[in-house]
Amino acid sequence: MDFDWHSDPITRATPVTRHYKNTQNVRRFMLEHCGPGFKFDRPFMAWIRNDVPKTLGDVVDEWRRRHEEARA
């Protein structure tokens, strides 16, 4: 059985599966780890689903990297 993106607990170690969805559960996790400025945008969502294996920790780190560069 695949991961339920709507209700299963998410950690930094949670793998992004081919059934990944940008759910409220994921948004809560990302807000907790990235802060109140977190938002999904199309380029970032495409990166999440680019078929390169990653975890939600990688997703958090990439969002932070993109937004630190934007502030620099």
C-alpha atoms as a PDB file:
ATOM      1  CA  MET A   1       0.000   0.000   0.000  1.00  0.00           C
ATOM      2  CA  ASP A   2       1.315   3.438  -0.940  1.00  0.00           C
ATOM      3  CA  PHE A   3       1.736   6.382   1.385  1.00  0.00           C
ATOM      4  CA  ASP A   4      -1.443   8.388   2.146  1.00  0.00           C
ATOM      5  CA  TRP A   5      -0.380  11.992   1.573  1.00  0.00           C
ATOM      6  CA  HIS A   6      -3.608  13.224   3.174  1.00  0.00           C
ATOM      7  CA  SER A   7      -3.233  11.607   6.572  1.00  0.00           C
ATOM      8  CA  ASP A   8      -0.049   9.590   7.119  1.00  0.00           C
ATOM      9  CA  PRO A   9       2.579  11.192   9.379  1.00  0.00           C
ATOM     10  CA  ILE A  10       5.287  13.029   7.429  1.00  0.00           C
ATOM     11  CA  THR A  11       8.926  13.294   8.480  1.00  0.00           C
ATOM     12  CA  ARG A  12      12.067  14.538   6.762  1.00  0.00           C
ATOM     13  CA  ALA A  13      12.763  10.887   5.881  1.00  0.00           C
ATOM     14  CA  THR A  14       9.420  10.392   4.077  1.00  0.00           C
ATOM     15  CA  PRO A  15      10.204   9.428   0.461  1.00  0.00           C
ATOM     16  CA  VAL A  16       8.515  11.320  -2.351  1.00  0.00           C
ATOM     17  CA  THR A  17       6.685   8.571  -4.232  1.00  0.00           C
ATOM     18  CA  ARG A  18       5.239   8.578  -7.721  1.00  0.00           C
ATOM     19  CA  HIS A  19       1.852   9.137  -6.033  1.00  0.00           C
ATOM     20  CA  TYR A  20       3.022  12.310  -4.245  1.00  0.00           C
ATOM     21  CA  LYS A  21       0.349  14.993  -3.808  1.00  0.00           C
ATOM     22  CA  ASN A  22       0.552  18.587  -2.551  1.00  0.00           C
ATOM     23  CA  THR A  23      -1.981  18.035   0.239  1.00  0.00           C
ATOM     24  CA  GLN A  24      -2.818  20.100   3.310  1.00  0.00           C
ATOM     25  CA  ASN A  25      -0.802  17.534   5.272  1.00  0.00           C
ATOM     26  CA  VAL A  26       2.282  18.329   3.150  1.00  0.00           C
ATOM     27  CA  ARG A  27       1.619  22.083   3.381  1.00  0.00           C
ATOM     28  CA  ARG A  28       1.487  21.870   7.195  1.00  0.00           C
ATOM     29  CA  PHE A  29       4.782  19.961   7.225  1.00  0.00           C
ATOM     30  CA  MET A  30       6.430  22.476   4.881  1.00  0.00           C
ATOM     31  CA  LEU A  31       5.164  25.467   6.878  1.00  0.00           C
ATOM     32  CA  GLU A  32       6.532  23.887  10.051  1.00  0.00           C
ATOM     33  CA  HIS A  33       9.978  23.380   8.498  1.00  0.00           C
ATOM     34  CA  CYS A  34      10.220  26.392   6.164  1.00  0.00           C
ATOM     35  CA  GLY A  35       8.281  29.037   8.068  1.00  0.00           C
ATOM     36  CA  PRO A  36       5.240  31.175   7.326  1.00  0.00           C
ATOM     37  CA  GLY A  37       6.646  32.376   3.986  1.00  0.00           C
ATOM     38  CA  PHE A  38       6.364  28.907   2.474  1.00  0.00           C
ATOM     39  CA  LYS A  39       4.373  28.628  -0.762  1.00  0.00           C
ATOM     40  CA  PHE A  40       4.282  26.116  -3.576  1.00  0.00           C
ATOM     41  CA  ASP A  41       4.998  27.512  -7.035  1.00  0.00           C
ATOM     42  CA  ARG A  42       4.974  25.720 -10.375  1.00  0.00           C
ATOM     43  CA  PRO A  43       8.759  25.427 -10.848  1.00  0.00           C
ATOM     44  CA  PHE A  44       9.153  24.051  -7.317  1.00  0.00           C
ATOM     45  CA  MET A  45       6.275  21.582  -7.755  1.00  0.00           C
ATOM     46  CA  ALA A  46       7.869  20.417 -11.037  1.00  0.00           C
ATOM     47  CA  TRP A  47      11.176  19.897  -9.213  1.00  0.00           C
ATOM     48  CA  ILE A  48       9.434  17.798  -6.536  1.00  0.00           C
ATOM     49  CA  ARG A  49       7.921  15.533  -9.197  1.00  0.00           C
ATOM     50  CA  ASN A  50      10.963  15.306 -11.525  1.00  0.00           C
ATOM     51  CA  ASP A  51      11.424  11.531 -10.990  1.00  0.00           C
ATOM     52  CA  VAL A  52      14.716  12.011  -9.122  1.00  0.00           C
ATOM     53  CA  PRO A  53      14.507  10.087  -5.813  1.00  0.00           C
ATOM     54  CA  LYS A  54      14.166  12.427  -2.841  1.00  0.00           C
ATOM     55  CA  THR A  55      12.692  12.731   0.628  1.00  0.00           C
ATOM     56  CA  LEU A  56      10.587  15.462   2.186  1.00  0.00           C
ATOM     57  CA  GLY A  57      13.797  16.575   3.914  1.00  0.00           C
ATOM     58  CA  ASP A  58      15.329  17.159   0.474  1.00  0.00           C
ATOM     59  CA  VAL A  59      12.211  19.125  -0.487  1.00  0.00           C
ATOM     60  CA  VAL A  60      12.534  21.335   2.603  1.00  0.00           C
ATOM     61  CA  ASP A  61      16.244  21.883   1.940  1.00  0.00           C
ATOM     62  CA  GLU A  62      15.637  22.787  -1.708  1.00  0.00           C
ATOM     63  CA  TRP A  63      12.892  25.279  -0.840  1.00  0.00           C
ATOM     64  CA  ARG A  64      15.176  26.915   1.719  1.00  0.00           C
ATOM     65  CA  ARG A  65      18.060  26.993  -0.792  1.00  0.00           C
ATOM     66  CA  ARG A  66      15.894  28.666  -3.438  1.00  0.00           C
ATOM     67  CA  HIS A  67      14.602  31.270  -1.016  1.00  0.00           C
ATOM     68  CA  GLU A  68      17.962  32.024   0.597  1.00  0.00           C
ATOM     69  CA  GLU A  69      19.365  32.704  -2.898  1.00  0.00           C
ATOM     70  CA  ALA A  70      16.401  34.976  -3.657  1.00  0.00           C
ATOM     71  CA  ARG A  71      17.156  37.042  -0.530  1.00  0.00           C
ATOM     72  CA  ALA A  72      20.896  37.274  -1.203  1.00  0.00           C
END
